[in-house]
C-alpha atoms as a PDB file:
ATOM      1  CA  MET A   1       8.769  26.181  12.876  1.00  0.00           C
ATOM      2  CA  MET A   2      10.100  22.707  12.895  1.00  0.00           C
ATOM      3  CA  HIS A   3      12.665  21.590  10.185  1.00  0.00           C
ATOM      4  CA  VAL A   4      12.041  18.062   8.875  1.00  0.00           C
ATOM      5  CA  SER A   5      14.220  15.592   6.775  1.00  0.00           C
ATOM      6  CA  LEU A   6      12.264  12.723   5.415  1.00  0.00           C
ATOM      7  CA  ILE A   7      14.541   9.899   4.092  1.00  0.00           C
ATOM      8  CA  VAL A   8      13.224   7.592   1.627  1.00  0.00           C
ATOM      9  CA  PRO A   9      14.672   5.212  -1.042  1.00  0.00           C
ATOM     10  CA  ALA A  10      15.169   7.001  -4.334  1.00  0.00           C
ATOM     11  CA  PRO A  11      13.266   7.946  -6.434  1.00  0.00           C
ATOM     12  CA  PHE A  12      10.727   9.825  -4.453  1.00  0.00           C
ATOM     13  CA  ASP A  13       8.230   9.957  -7.499  1.00  0.00           C
ATOM     14  CA  THR A  14       7.841   6.206  -7.430  1.00  0.00           C
ATOM     15  CA  ILE A  15       4.355   5.272  -8.219  1.00  0.00           C
ATOM     16  CA  SER A  16       3.065   3.245  -5.152  1.00  0.00           C
ATOM     17  CA  GLY A  17       0.689   3.761  -2.217  1.00  0.00           C
ATOM     18  CA  GLY A  18       3.547   4.256   0.333  1.00  0.00           C
ATOM     19  CA  TYR A  19       5.240   6.962  -1.715  1.00  0.00           C
ATOM     20  CA  GLU A  20       2.087   8.660  -2.445  1.00  0.00           C
ATOM     21  CA  TYR A  21       1.263   8.729   1.386  1.00  0.00           C
ATOM     22  CA  ASP A  22       4.871  10.296   1.929  1.00  0.00           C
ATOM     23  CA  ARG A  23       4.307  12.819  -0.789  1.00  0.00           C
ATOM     24  CA  ARG A  24       0.899  13.783   0.759  1.00  0.00           C
ATOM     25  CA  MET A  25       2.452  14.169   4.188  1.00  0.00           C
ATOM     26  CA  VAL A  26       5.281  16.376   2.811  1.00  0.00           C
ATOM     27  CA  ALA A  27       2.889  18.677   0.995  1.00  0.00           C
ATOM     28  CA  GLY A  28       0.689  18.990   4.130  1.00  0.00           C
ATOM     29  CA  LEU A  29       3.657  19.768   6.417  1.00  0.00           C
ATOM     30  CA  ARG A  30       4.678  22.355   4.050  1.00  0.00           C
ATOM     31  CA  THR A  31       1.188  23.918   3.961  1.00  0.00           C
ATOM     32  CA  PHE A  32       1.431  24.089   7.798  1.00  0.00           C
ATOM     33  CA  GLY A  33       4.729  25.963   7.451  1.00  0.00           C
ATOM     34  CA  TYR A  34       7.174  23.246   8.070  1.00  0.00           C
ATOM     35  CA  THR A  35      10.498  23.256   6.189  1.00  0.00           C
ATOM     36  CA  VAL A  36      10.709  19.787   4.692  1.00  0.00           C
ATOM     37  CA  ALA A  37      13.679  18.316   2.918  1.00  0.00           C
ATOM     38  CA  VAL A  38      13.258  14.846   1.184  1.00  0.00           C
ATOM     39  CA  VAL A  39      16.546  12.835   1.211  1.00  0.00           C
ATOM     40  CA  GLU A  40      16.565  10.348  -1.415  1.00  0.00           C
ATOM     41  CA  LEU A  41      18.936   7.356  -0.673  1.00  0.00           C
ATOM     42  CA  PRO A  42      20.483   5.653  -3.785  1.00  0.00           C
ATOM     43  CA  GLY A  43      21.284   1.987  -3.763  1.00  0.00           C
ATOM     44  CA  ARG A  44      19.316  -1.147  -3.217  1.00  0.00           C
ATOM     45  CA  HIS A  45      16.610  -1.376  -0.617  1.00  0.00           C
ATOM     46  CA  LYS A  46      15.288  -3.587   1.372  1.00  0.00           C
ATOM     47  CA  GLN A  47      18.368  -5.701   1.523  1.00  0.00           C
ATOM     48  CA  ALA A  48      20.537  -2.648   1.638  1.00  0.00           C
ATOM     49  CA  ASP A  49      23.653  -2.683  -0.503  1.00  0.00           C
ATOM     50  CA  THR A  50      26.832  -0.720   0.237  1.00  0.00           C
ATOM     51  CA  ALA A  51      25.613   2.407  -1.828  1.00  0.00           C
ATOM     52  CA  ALA A  52      22.427   2.529   0.461  1.00  0.00           C
ATOM     53  CA  ARG A  53      24.450   2.058   3.686  1.00  0.00           C
ATOM     54  CA  ASP A  54      27.048   4.840   2.796  1.00  0.00           C
ATOM     55  CA  ALA A  55      24.162   7.177   1.891  1.00  0.00           C
ATOM     56  CA  ALA A  56      22.406   6.687   5.122  1.00  0.00           C
ATOM     57  CA  CYS A  57      25.596   7.235   6.948  1.00  0.00           C
ATOM     58  CA  ALA A  58      26.322  10.417   5.022  1.00  0.00           C
ATOM     59  CA  THR A  59      22.800  11.614   5.685  1.00  0.00           C
ATOM     60  CA  MET A  60      23.138  11.284   9.355  1.00  0.00           C
ATOM     61  CA  ASP A  61      26.423  12.982   9.313  1.00  0.00           C
ATOM     62  CA  GLN A  62      25.015  16.001   7.478  1.00  0.00           C
ATOM     63  CA  LEU A  63      21.743  16.263   9.545  1.00  0.00           C
ATOM     64  CA  ALA A  64      21.440  19.826  10.753  1.00  0.00           C
ATOM     65  CA  PRO A  65      21.146  20.211  14.625  1.00  0.00           C
ATOM     66  CA  GLY A  66      17.400  20.416  15.624  1.00  0.00           C
ATOM     67  CA  THR A  67      16.087  18.684  12.466  1.00  0.00           C
ATOM     68  CA  ARG A  68      13.308  16.262  12.954  1.00  0.00           C
ATOM     69  CA  CYS A  69      14.484  12.975  11.109  1.00  0.00           C
ATOM     70  CA  ILE A  70      11.787  10.789   9.647  1.00  0.00           C
ATOM     71  CA  VAL A  71      12.945   7.463   8.118  1.00  0.00           C
ATOM     72  CA  ASP A  72      10.598   5.709   5.820  1.00  0.00           C
ATOM     73  CA  GLY A  73      10.565   2.030   6.586  1.00  0.00           C
ATOM     74  CA  LEU A  74      11.701   0.866   3.226  1.00  0.00           C
ATOM     75  CA  ALA A  75      14.905   2.980   3.813  1.00  0.00           C
ATOM     76  CA  LEU A  76      15.328   1.798   7.456  1.00  0.00           C
ATOM     77  CA  PRO A  77      17.341  -1.405   6.864  1.00  0.00           C
ATOM     78  CA  ALA A  78      20.099   0.882   5.265  1.00  0.00           C
ATOM     79  CA  PHE A  79      20.661   2.269   8.798  1.00  0.00           C
ATOM     80  CA  ALA A  80      22.096  -0.988  10.204  1.00  0.00           C
ATOM     81  CA  GLY A  81      24.992   0.018  12.363  1.00  0.00           C
ATOM     82  CA  LEU A  82      23.640   3.640  12.877  1.00  0.00           C
ATOM     83  CA  GLU A  83      21.410   2.888  15.822  1.00  0.00           C
ATOM     84  CA  ASP A  84      23.016   5.245  18.206  1.00  0.00           C
ATOM     85  CA  ALA A  85      22.869   7.959  15.604  1.00  0.00           C
ATOM     86  CA  LEU A  86      19.052   7.266  15.269  1.00  0.00           C
ATOM     87  CA  ALA A  87      18.536   7.416  18.940  1.00  0.00           C
ATOM     88  CA  ALA A  88      20.632  10.474  19.436  1.00  0.00           C
ATOM     89  CA  THR A  89      18.519  12.511  16.886  1.00  0.00           C
ATOM     90  CA  SER A  90      15.346  11.081  18.145  1.00  0.00           C
ATOM     91  CA  ALA A  91      14.562   9.800  14.739  1.00  0.00           C
ATOM     92  CA  ILE A  92      10.890   8.775  13.858  1.00  0.00           C
ATOM     93  CA  GLY A  93      10.147   5.709  11.654  1.00  0.00           C
ATOM     94  CA  LEU A  94       7.228   5.945   9.102  1.00  0.00           C
ATOM     95  CA  ILE A  95       6.327   2.324   8.734  1.00  0.00           C
ATOM     96  CA  HIS A  96       3.802   1.546   6.135  1.00  0.00           C
ATOM     97  CA  HIS A  97       4.406  -2.217   6.884  1.00  0.00           C
ATOM     98  CA  PRO A  98       7.570  -4.104   8.125  1.00  0.00           C
ATOM     99  CA  THR A  99       9.642  -5.159   5.158  1.00  0.00           C
ATOM    100  CA  ALA A 100      10.290  -8.485   6.825  1.00  0.00           C
ATOM    101  CA  LEU A 101       6.582  -9.258   6.060  1.00  0.00           C
ATOM    102  CA  GLU A 102       6.943  -8.687   2.227  1.00  0.00           C
ATOM    103  CA  THR A 103       5.866 -11.705   0.209  1.00  0.00           C
ATOM    104  CA  GLY A 104       8.520 -13.833  -1.686  1.00  0.00           C
ATOM    105  CA  LEU A 105      11.274 -13.703   0.826  1.00  0.00           C
ATOM    106  CA  GLY A 106      13.071 -16.769   1.815  1.00  0.00           C
ATOM    107  CA  ALA A 107      12.929 -18.081   5.435  1.00  0.00           C
ATOM    108  CA  ALA A 108      16.505 -17.084   6.253  1.00  0.00           C
ATOM    109  CA  GLU A 109      16.112 -13.772   4.693  1.00  0.00           C
ATOM    110  CA  ARG A 110      12.842 -13.067   6.445  1.00  0.00           C
ATOM    111  CA  THR A 111      14.384 -13.985   9.836  1.00  0.00           C
ATOM    112  CA  ALA A 112      17.496 -11.838   9.335  1.00  0.00           C
ATOM    113  CA  LEU A 113      15.357  -8.802   8.297  1.00  0.00           C
ATOM    114  CA  GLN A 114      12.964  -9.280  11.044  1.00  0.00           C
ATOM    115  CA  ALA A 115      15.850  -9.309  13.608  1.00  0.00           C
ATOM    116  CA  LEU A 116      17.369  -6.187  11.875  1.00  0.00           C
ATOM    117  CA  GLU A 117      14.121  -4.251  11.996  1.00  0.00           C
ATOM    118  CA  ARG A 118      13.400  -5.242  15.513  1.00  0.00           C
ATOM    119  CA  ARG A 119      16.756  -3.804  16.597  1.00  0.00           C
ATOM    120  CA  LEU A 120      16.310  -0.540  14.534  1.00  0.00           C
ATOM    121  CA  PHE A 121      12.790  -0.080  15.779  1.00  0.00           C
ATOM    122  CA  GLY A 122      13.922  -0.124  19.258  1.00  0.00           C
ATOM    123  CA  HIS A 123      16.190   2.936  18.791  1.00  0.00           C
ATOM    124  CA  LEU A 124      13.547   5.277  17.237  1.00  0.00           C
ATOM    125  CA  ALA A 125      11.934   7.830  19.516  1.00  0.00           C
ATOM    126  CA  ARG A 126       8.428   7.133  17.815  1.00  0.00           C
ATOM    127  CA  VAL A 127       7.036   4.915  15.196  1.00  0.00           C
ATOM    128  CA  ILE A 128       4.205   6.098  12.839  1.00  0.00           C
ATOM    129  CA  VAL A 129       2.117   3.468  11.302  1.00  0.00           C
ATOM    130  CA  THR A 130      -0.776   3.617   8.617  1.00  0.00           C
ATOM    131  CA  SER A 131      -3.218   1.380  10.422  1.00  0.00           C
ATOM    132  CA  GLU A 132      -4.310  -0.197  13.822  1.00  0.00           C
ATOM    133  CA  PHE A 133      -3.430  -3.473  12.362  1.00  0.00           C
ATOM    134  CA  THR A 134       0.164  -2.553  11.659  1.00  0.00           C
ATOM    135  CA  GLY A 135       0.447  -0.946  15.049  1.00  0.00           C
ATOM    136  CA  GLU A 136      -0.616  -4.232  16.651  1.00  0.00           C
ATOM    137  CA  THR A 137       2.009  -5.970  14.369  1.00  0.00           C
ATOM    138  CA  MET A 138       4.817  -3.766  15.558  1.00  0.00           C
ATOM    139  CA  ALA A 139       4.067  -4.255  19.242  1.00  0.00           C
ATOM    140  CA  GLN A 140       3.367  -8.054  18.984  1.00  0.00           C
ATOM    141  CA  SER A 141       5.912  -9.266  16.460  1.00  0.00           C
ATOM    142  CA  PHE A 142       8.669  -6.512  16.723  1.00  0.00           C
ATOM    143  CA  GLY A 143       8.554  -5.559  20.379  1.00  0.00           C
ATOM    144  CA  VAL A 144       7.847  -1.944  19.926  1.00  0.00           C
ATOM    145  CA  ASP A 145       6.420  -0.215  23.115  1.00  0.00           C
ATOM    146  CA  PRO A 146       2.602   0.797  22.172  1.00  0.00           C
ATOM    147  CA  ALA A 147       3.319   4.086  23.821  1.00  0.00           C
ATOM    148  CA  ARG A 148       5.789   4.985  21.015  1.00  0.00           C
ATOM    149  CA  ILE A 149       3.414   4.028  18.234  1.00  0.00           C
ATOM    150  CA  ALA A 150       1.109   6.627  16.456  1.00  0.00           C
ATOM    151  CA  ILE A 151      -1.534   5.653  14.001  1.00  0.00           C
ATOM    152  CA  VAL A 152      -1.877   7.974  10.998  1.00  0.00           C
ATOM    153  CA  ALA A 153      -4.031   6.400   8.276  1.00  0.00           C
ATOM    154  CA  PRO A 154      -3.847   7.617   4.778  1.00  0.00           C
ATOM    155  CA  GLY A 155      -6.379  10.104   3.588  1.00  0.00           C
ATOM    156  CA  THR A 156      -8.701  10.273   0.577  1.00  0.00           C
ATOM    157  CA  ASP A 157      -9.632  13.060  -1.880  1.00  0.00           C
ATOM    158  CA  ASN A 158     -13.062  13.850  -2.893  1.00  0.00           C
ATOM    159  CA  ALA A 159     -13.887  11.589  -5.873  1.00  0.00           C
ATOM    160  CA  PRO A 160     -16.840  11.456  -8.299  1.00  0.00           C
ATOM    161  CA  ARG A 161     -18.911   8.193  -7.987  1.00  0.00           C
ATOM    162  CA  SER A 162     -18.099   5.470 -10.481  1.00  0.00           C
ATOM    163  CA  THR A 163     -20.751   5.190 -13.090  1.00  0.00           C
ATOM    164  CA  GLY A 164     -19.821   1.758 -14.235  1.00  0.00           C
ATOM    165  CA  SER A 165     -19.248   0.396 -17.803  1.00  0.00           C
ATOM    166  CA  SER A 166     -23.001   0.181 -18.703  1.00  0.00           C
ATOM    167  CA  SER A 167     -22.075  -2.972 -20.543  1.00  0.00           C
ATOM    168  CA  PRO A 168     -23.033  -6.730 -20.352  1.00  0.00           C
ATOM    169  CA  THR A 169     -19.452  -7.277 -19.459  1.00  0.00           C
ATOM    170  CA  CYS A 170     -18.500  -6.854 -15.768  1.00  0.00           C
ATOM    171  CA  GLU A 171     -15.462  -4.666 -15.844  1.00  0.00           C
ATOM    172  CA  ILE A 172     -13.222  -5.462 -12.970  1.00  0.00           C
ATOM    173  CA  LEU A 173     -10.340  -3.099 -11.837  1.00  0.00           C
ATOM    174  CA  SER A 174      -7.413  -4.160  -9.799  1.00  0.00           C
ATOM    175  CA  VAL A 175      -4.803  -1.538  -8.762  1.00  0.00           C
ATOM    176  CA  GLY A 176      -1.261  -2.442  -7.502  1.00  0.00           C
ATOM    177  CA  SER A 177       2.245  -2.850  -8.600  1.00  0.00           C
ATOM    178  CA  LEU A 178       3.133  -6.237 -10.202  1.00  0.00           C
ATOM    179  CA  ILE A 179       4.782  -7.721  -7.285  1.00  0.00           C
ATOM    180  CA  PRO A 180       4.191 -10.984  -5.331  1.00  0.00           C
ATOM    181  CA  ARG A 181       2.584  -9.167  -2.409  1.00  0.00           C
ATOM    182  CA  LYS A 182      -0.340  -8.033  -4.416  1.00  0.00           C
ATOM    183  CA  GLY A 183      -1.526 -11.431  -5.288  1.00  0.00           C
ATOM    184  CA  HIS A 184      -2.570 -10.765  -8.925  1.00  0.00           C
ATOM    185  CA  ASP A 185      -1.712 -14.376  -9.711  1.00  0.00           C
ATOM    186  CA  VAL A 186      -4.310 -15.441  -7.074  1.00  0.00           C
ATOM    187  CA  LEU A 187      -6.925 -13.084  -8.601  1.00  0.00           C
ATOM    188  CA  LEU A 188      -6.212 -14.399 -12.215  1.00  0.00           C
ATOM    189  CA  ARG A 189      -6.608 -17.986 -11.146  1.00  0.00           C
ATOM    190  CA  ALA A 190      -9.944 -17.127  -9.394  1.00  0.00           C
ATOM    191  CA  LEU A 191     -11.229 -15.280 -12.596  1.00  0.00           C
ATOM    192  CA  ALA A 192     -10.037 -18.199 -14.822  1.00  0.00           C
ATOM    193  CA  ARG A 193     -12.521 -20.543 -13.118  1.00  0.00           C
ATOM    194  CA  LEU A 194     -15.488 -18.165 -14.210  1.00  0.00           C
ATOM    195  CA  PHE A 195     -15.262 -18.968 -17.994  1.00  0.00           C
ATOM    196  CA  ASP A 196     -18.986 -19.137 -18.218  1.00  0.00           C
ATOM    197  CA  LEU A 197     -19.372 -15.500 -17.039  1.00  0.00           C
ATOM    198  CA  ASN A 198     -18.870 -12.281 -18.919  1.00  0.00           C
ATOM    199  CA  TRP A 199     -16.020 -10.402 -17.304  1.00  0.00           C
ATOM    200  CA  HIS A 200     -12.999  -8.436 -18.203  1.00  0.00           C
ATOM    201  CA  LEU A 201     -10.034  -7.448 -15.978  1.00  0.00           C
ATOM    202  CA  THR A 202      -7.776  -4.336 -16.031  1.00  0.00           C
ATOM    203  CA  ILE A 203      -4.779  -4.342 -13.801  1.00  0.00           C
ATOM    204  CA  ALA A 204      -3.168  -1.000 -13.294  1.00  0.00           C
ATOM    205  CA  GLY A 205       0.213  -1.236 -11.820  1.00  0.00           C
ATOM    206  CA  SER A 206       3.927  -0.874 -12.507  1.00  0.00           C
ATOM    207  CA  PRO A 207       5.750  -3.835 -13.851  1.00  0.00           C
ATOM    208  CA  ASP A 208       9.189  -2.249 -13.128  1.00  0.00           C
ATOM    209  CA  ILE A 209       9.650  -3.169  -9.579  1.00  0.00           C
ATOM    210  CA  ASP A 210       9.712  -6.869 -10.168  1.00  0.00           C
ATOM    211  CA  PRO A 211      10.050  -7.404 -13.958  1.00  0.00           C
ATOM    212  CA  VAL A 212      10.497 -11.288 -13.578  1.00  0.00           C
ATOM    213  CA  HIS A 213       7.229 -11.454 -11.540  1.00  0.00           C
ATOM    214  CA  ALA A 214       5.455  -9.087 -14.055  1.00  0.00           C
ATOM    215  CA  LEU A 215       6.465 -11.331 -16.987  1.00  0.00           C
ATOM    216  CA  GLY A 216       5.410 -14.446 -14.947  1.00  0.00           C
ATOM    217  CA  LEU A 217       1.906 -12.944 -14.559  1.00  0.00           C
ATOM    218  CA  ARG A 218       1.635 -12.385 -18.490  1.00  0.00           C
ATOM    219  CA  SER A 219       2.772 -16.075 -19.017  1.00  0.00           C
ATOM    220  CA  LEU A 220       0.158 -17.085 -16.348  1.00  0.00           C
ATOM    221  CA  VAL A 221      -2.658 -15.263 -18.362  1.00  0.00           C
ATOM    222  CA  GLU A 222      -1.760 -17.221 -21.502  1.00  0.00           C
ATOM    223  CA  GLU A 223      -1.402 -20.475 -19.585  1.00  0.00           C
ATOM    224  CA  LEU A 224      -4.878 -19.927 -18.264  1.00  0.00           C
ATOM    225  CA  GLY A 225      -6.344 -19.074 -21.618  1.00  0.00           C
ATOM    226  CA  ILE A 226      -7.786 -15.727 -20.560  1.00  0.00           C
ATOM    227  CA  GLY A 227      -5.474 -13.407 -22.700  1.00  0.00           C
ATOM    228  CA  GLN A 228      -8.683 -11.789 -24.266  1.00  0.00           C
ATOM    229  CA  ARG A 229     -10.111 -10.940 -20.946  1.00  0.00           C
ATOM    230  CA  VAL A 230      -7.225  -9.376 -19.203  1.00  0.00           C
ATOM    231  CA  ARG A 231      -5.401  -6.152 -19.695  1.00  0.00           C
ATOM    232  CA  PHE A 232      -2.137  -5.031 -18.033  1.00  0.00           C
ATOM    233  CA  ALA A 233      -2.398  -1.213 -18.125  1.00  0.00           C
ATOM    234  CA  GLY A 234       1.007  -0.652 -16.582  1.00  0.00           C
ATOM    235  CA  THR A 235       1.868   2.619 -14.802  1.00  0.00           C
ATOM    236  CA  VAL A 236      -0.861   5.102 -15.854  1.00  0.00           C
ATOM    237  CA  SER A 237      -1.461   8.786 -15.398  1.00  0.00           C
ATOM    238  CA  ASP A 238      -3.695  10.128 -12.835  1.00  0.00           C
ATOM    239  CA  ALA A 239      -6.289  11.087 -15.610  1.00  0.00           C
ATOM    240  CA  ALA A 240      -6.084   7.642 -17.255  1.00  0.00           C
ATOM    241  CA  LEU A 241      -6.590   6.056 -13.737  1.00  0.00           C
ATOM    242  CA  GLU A 242      -9.575   8.162 -13.134  1.00  0.00           C
ATOM    243  CA  ARG A 243     -11.104   6.909 -16.382  1.00  0.00           C
ATOM    244  CA  LEU A 244     -10.453   3.392 -15.168  1.00  0.00           C
ATOM    245  CA  TRP A 245     -12.190   4.031 -11.865  1.00  0.00           C
ATOM    246  CA  HIS A 246     -15.084   5.924 -13.525  1.00  0.00           C
ATOM    247  CA  ARG A 247     -15.900   2.825 -15.915  1.00  0.00           C
ATOM    248  CA  ALA A 248     -15.450  -0.131 -13.264  1.00  0.00           C
ATOM    249  CA  ASP A 249     -18.132  -2.187 -12.104  1.00  0.00           C
ATOM    250  CA  LEU A 250     -16.194  -4.096  -9.487  1.00  0.00           C
ATOM    251  CA  PHE A 251     -12.771  -3.555  -7.647  1.00  0.00           C
ATOM    252  CA  ALA A 252     -10.865  -6.663  -6.936  1.00  0.00           C
ATOM    253  CA  LEU A 253      -7.394  -7.229  -5.110  1.00  0.00           C
ATOM    254  CA  ALA A 254      -6.054 -10.517  -3.873  1.00  0.00           C
ATOM    255  CA  THR A 255      -3.292  -8.929  -1.675  1.00  0.00           C
ATOM    256  CA  HIS A 256      -1.250 -11.250   0.657  1.00  0.00           C
ATOM    257  CA  TYR A 257      -0.588  -8.113   2.917  1.00  0.00           C
ATOM    258  CA  GLU A 258      -1.472  -4.464   3.191  1.00  0.00           C
ATOM    259  CA  GLY A 259      -0.321  -2.063   5.850  1.00  0.00           C
ATOM    260  CA  TYR A 260      -3.524  -0.149   5.101  1.00  0.00           C
ATOM    261  CA  GLY A 261      -5.041  -0.706   1.682  1.00  0.00           C
ATOM    262  CA  MET A 262      -5.120   2.608  -0.206  1.00  0.00           C
ATOM    263  CA  ALA A 263      -6.577   1.362  -3.352  1.00  0.00           C
ATOM    264  CA  VAL A 264      -9.277  -0.414  -1.494  1.00  0.00           C
ATOM    265  CA  ALA A 265     -10.123   2.964   0.153  1.00  0.00           C
ATOM    266  CA  GLU A 266     -10.136   4.571  -3.252  1.00  0.00           C
ATOM    267  CA  ALA A 267     -12.708   1.948  -4.484  1.00  0.00           C
ATOM    268  CA  LEU A 268     -14.956   2.728  -1.528  1.00  0.00           C
ATOM    269  CA  LYS A 269     -14.662   6.288  -1.944  1.00  0.00           C
ATOM    270  CA  ARG A 270     -15.999   5.823  -5.537  1.00  0.00           C
ATOM    271  CA  GLY A 271     -18.793   3.609  -4.505  1.00  0.00           C
ATOM    272  CA  LEU A 272     -17.407   0.456  -6.018  1.00  0.00           C
ATOM    273  CA  PRO A 273     -18.198  -2.966  -4.466  1.00  0.00           C
ATOM    274  CA  VAL A 274     -15.008  -4.721  -3.719  1.00  0.00           C
ATOM    275  CA  ALA A 275     -13.767  -8.218  -3.743  1.00  0.00           C
ATOM    276  CA  ILE A 276     -10.520  -8.637  -1.691  1.00  0.00           C
ATOM    277  CA  THR A 277      -8.399 -10.963   0.330  1.00  0.00           C
ATOM    278  CA  ALA A 278      -7.816 -10.548   4.089  1.00  0.00           C
ATOM    279  CA  GLY A 279      -4.206  -9.665   3.705  1.00  0.00           C
ATOM    280  CA  GLY A 280      -3.304  -7.415   6.557  1.00  0.00           C
ATOM    281  CA  ALA A 281      -5.116  -4.265   7.358  1.00  0.00           C
ATOM    282  CA  ALA A 282      -7.207  -4.060   4.111  1.00  0.00           C
ATOM    283  CA  ALA A 283     -10.021  -6.270   5.387  1.00  0.00           C
ATOM    284  CA  ALA A 284     -10.831  -3.829   8.206  1.00  0.00           C
ATOM    285  CA  LEU A 285     -11.780  -1.189   5.502  1.00  0.00           C
ATOM    286  CA  VAL A 286     -14.560  -3.360   4.082  1.00  0.00           C
ATOM    287  CA  GLY A 287     -17.938  -4.028   5.922  1.00  0.00           C
ATOM    288  CA  PRO A 288     -19.701  -7.210   5.071  1.00  0.00           C
ATOM    289  CA  GLU A 289     -22.405  -5.223   3.024  1.00  0.00           C
ATOM    290  CA  ALA A 290     -19.709  -3.322   0.988  1.00  0.00           C
ATOM    291  CA  GLY A 291     -17.911  -6.256  -0.574  1.00  0.00           C
ATOM    292  CA  VAL A 292     -16.496  -9.725   0.048  1.00  0.00           C
ATOM    293  CA  VAL A 293     -13.320 -10.570   2.002  1.00  0.00           C
ATOM    294  CA  CYS A 294     -11.723 -13.965   1.407  1.00  0.00           C
ATOM    295  CA  GLN A 295      -8.744 -15.845   2.920  1.00  0.00           C
ATOM    296  CA  ALA A 296      -5.341 -14.713   1.443  1.00  0.00           C
ATOM    297  CA  GLY A 297      -4.173 -16.998  -1.101  1.00  0.00           C
ATOM    298  CA  ASP A 298      -7.310 -18.934  -1.665  1.00  0.00           C
ATOM    299  CA  HIS A 299      -8.157 -18.560  -5.202  1.00  0.00           C
ATOM    300  CA  GLU A 300     -11.055 -21.027  -5.090  1.00  0.00           C
ATOM    301  CA  GLN A 301     -12.837 -19.134  -2.251  1.00  0.00           C
ATOM    302  CA  LEU A 302     -12.240 -15.926  -4.038  1.00  0.00           C
ATOM    303  CA  SER A 303     -13.630 -17.374  -7.408  1.00  0.00           C
ATOM    304  CA  LYS A 304     -16.829 -18.462  -5.593  1.00  0.00           C
ATOM    305  CA  ALA A 305     -17.162 -14.834  -4.275  1.00  0.00           C
ATOM    306  CA  LEU A 306     -16.427 -13.318  -7.519  1.00  0.00           C
ATOM    307  CA  ARG A 307     -19.055 -15.555  -9.261  1.00  0.00           C
ATOM    308  CA  ARG A 308     -21.951 -13.958  -7.100  1.00  0.00           C
ATOM    309  CA  LEU A 309     -20.706 -10.361  -7.836  1.00  0.00           C
ATOM    310  CA  ILE A 310     -19.978 -10.792 -11.610  1.00  0.00           C
ATOM    311  CA  PHE A 311     -23.356 -12.661 -12.061  1.00  0.00           C
ATOM    312  CA  SER A 312     -25.660 -10.326 -10.095  1.00  0.00           C
ATOM    313  CA  ASN A 313     -25.960  -6.679 -11.164  1.00  0.00           C
ATOM    314  CA  GLU A 314     -28.410  -6.089  -8.345  1.00  0.00           C
ATOM    315  CA  LEU A 315     -25.835  -7.287  -5.616  1.00  0.00           C
ATOM    316  CA  ARG A 316     -23.196  -5.126  -7.079  1.00  0.00           C
ATOM    317  CA  ARG A 317     -25.638  -2.166  -6.924  1.00  0.00           C
ATOM    318  CA  GLU A 318     -26.607  -2.964  -3.366  1.00  0.00           C
ATOM    319  CA  MET A 319     -22.977  -3.338  -2.225  1.00  0.00           C
ATOM    320  CA  GLY A 320     -22.088  -0.178  -4.204  1.00  0.00           C
ATOM    321  CA  GLU A 321     -24.481   1.937  -2.189  1.00  0.00           C
ATOM    322  CA  VAL A 322     -22.869   0.707   1.104  1.00  0.00           C
ATOM    323  CA  ALA A 323     -19.457   1.197  -0.376  1.00  0.00           C
ATOM    324  CA  TRP A 324     -20.265   4.809  -1.161  1.00  0.00           C
ATOM    325  CA  ALA A 325     -21.577   5.529   2.289  1.00  0.00           C
ATOM    326  CA  THR A 326     -18.396   3.868   3.759  1.00  0.00           C
ATOM    327  CA  GLY A 327     -16.052   5.986   1.482  1.00  0.00           C
ATOM    328  CA  GLN A 328     -17.747   9.204   2.231  1.00  0.00           C
ATOM    329  CA  ALA A 329     -16.743   8.642   5.991  1.00  0.00           C
ATOM    330  CA  LEU A 330     -13.115   8.034   5.208  1.00  0.00           C
ATOM    331  CA  PRO A 331     -10.808  10.981   6.359  1.00  0.00           C
ATOM    332  CA  SER A 332      -9.222  13.509   4.128  1.00  0.00           C
ATOM    333  CA  TRP A 333      -5.619  14.024   3.320  1.00  0.00           C
ATOM    334  CA  ALA A 334      -5.759  17.506   5.193  1.00  0.00           C
ATOM    335  CA  ASP A 335      -7.185  15.869   8.324  1.00  0.00           C
ATOM    336  CA  GLN A 336      -4.389  13.105   8.159  1.00  0.00           C
ATOM    337  CA  ALA A 337      -1.645  15.585   7.413  1.00  0.00           C
ATOM    338  CA  GLN A 338      -2.593  17.547  10.588  1.00  0.00           C
ATOM    339  CA  ARG A 339      -2.565  14.228  12.532  1.00  0.00           C
ATOM    340  CA  PHE A 340       0.908  13.361  11.120  1.00  0.00           C
ATOM    341  CA  ALA A 341       2.104  16.970  12.237  1.00  0.00           C
ATOM    342  CA  ASP A 342       0.879  16.276  15.770  1.00  0.00           C
ATOM    343  CA  ALA A 343       2.573  12.822  15.877  1.00  0.00           C
ATOM    344  CA  ILE A 344       5.918  14.197  14.838  1.00  0.00           C
ATOM    345  CA  ALA A 345       5.670  17.204  17.289  1.00  0.00           C
ATOM    346  CA  VAL A 346       5.720  14.932  20.366  1.00  0.00           C
END
């Protein structure tokens, strides 16, 4: 049976959609009998520092012959200068989304990172991406041969249908780390315009990845005068998140870019109508009768869409029915782990 090393930025227990995907794939491979070692690289990533680059070099030196090496895209910039080693080991890249497309980068930083990733991608034997959209981006913007791209979308667990809040107040749930890419500021500005409607927003997501941005979001809430209507739940346990899903009436996410949109898939799985922005692959999950999709960054358009959903219980009920049917058709984690195993075996 194949020996696999998955290389990721430390720590592996980070709460995010990308790390959850990685953990699920590791668990699935082990179920199939693979020996999987998770190598956690210290240091700073995406703009890799000396500690990260030294760790990447040491990892390649210590890689046992015959091991299938899989590098998570967040760790890949640390392998600058190790292109020949990547090629010699037939390394595979696991790309949730190219780091050069992260929101908040300066123009020069983005250009340099895109050039670096383009070079590194060219030395990988195969690239696994989590959506068709990301696959197309890799081919068109990063020069990756489509023949070397495998698409393995995230899976979903069976989940109970959300019952809603049973309250006159529309309970809105948003799930995502407090980082610029998730667009929580756009969502807050959209909701602040709806002062005449009865709504409450809970944002579940870690403030630790970008503490400065997280603090800015709290300041924005006060500036907009919606402090009584918004709760930052922070990083929550699985049980606490399940309770939030259960009581939600509506899911909203104003993301600028998603390589897939795991939180959106979770909402659909629970039969929640969704209001999102067309950032990356997330829009492809949502049919027009399961929710609304607005232009990324456009808080005025999103506000108008949210007004309809918050105002009308009947519209949310109708969209929730379609969302539930859509969610039940999403693949399971077991199915996707098998697809992942097939992709790395080639």
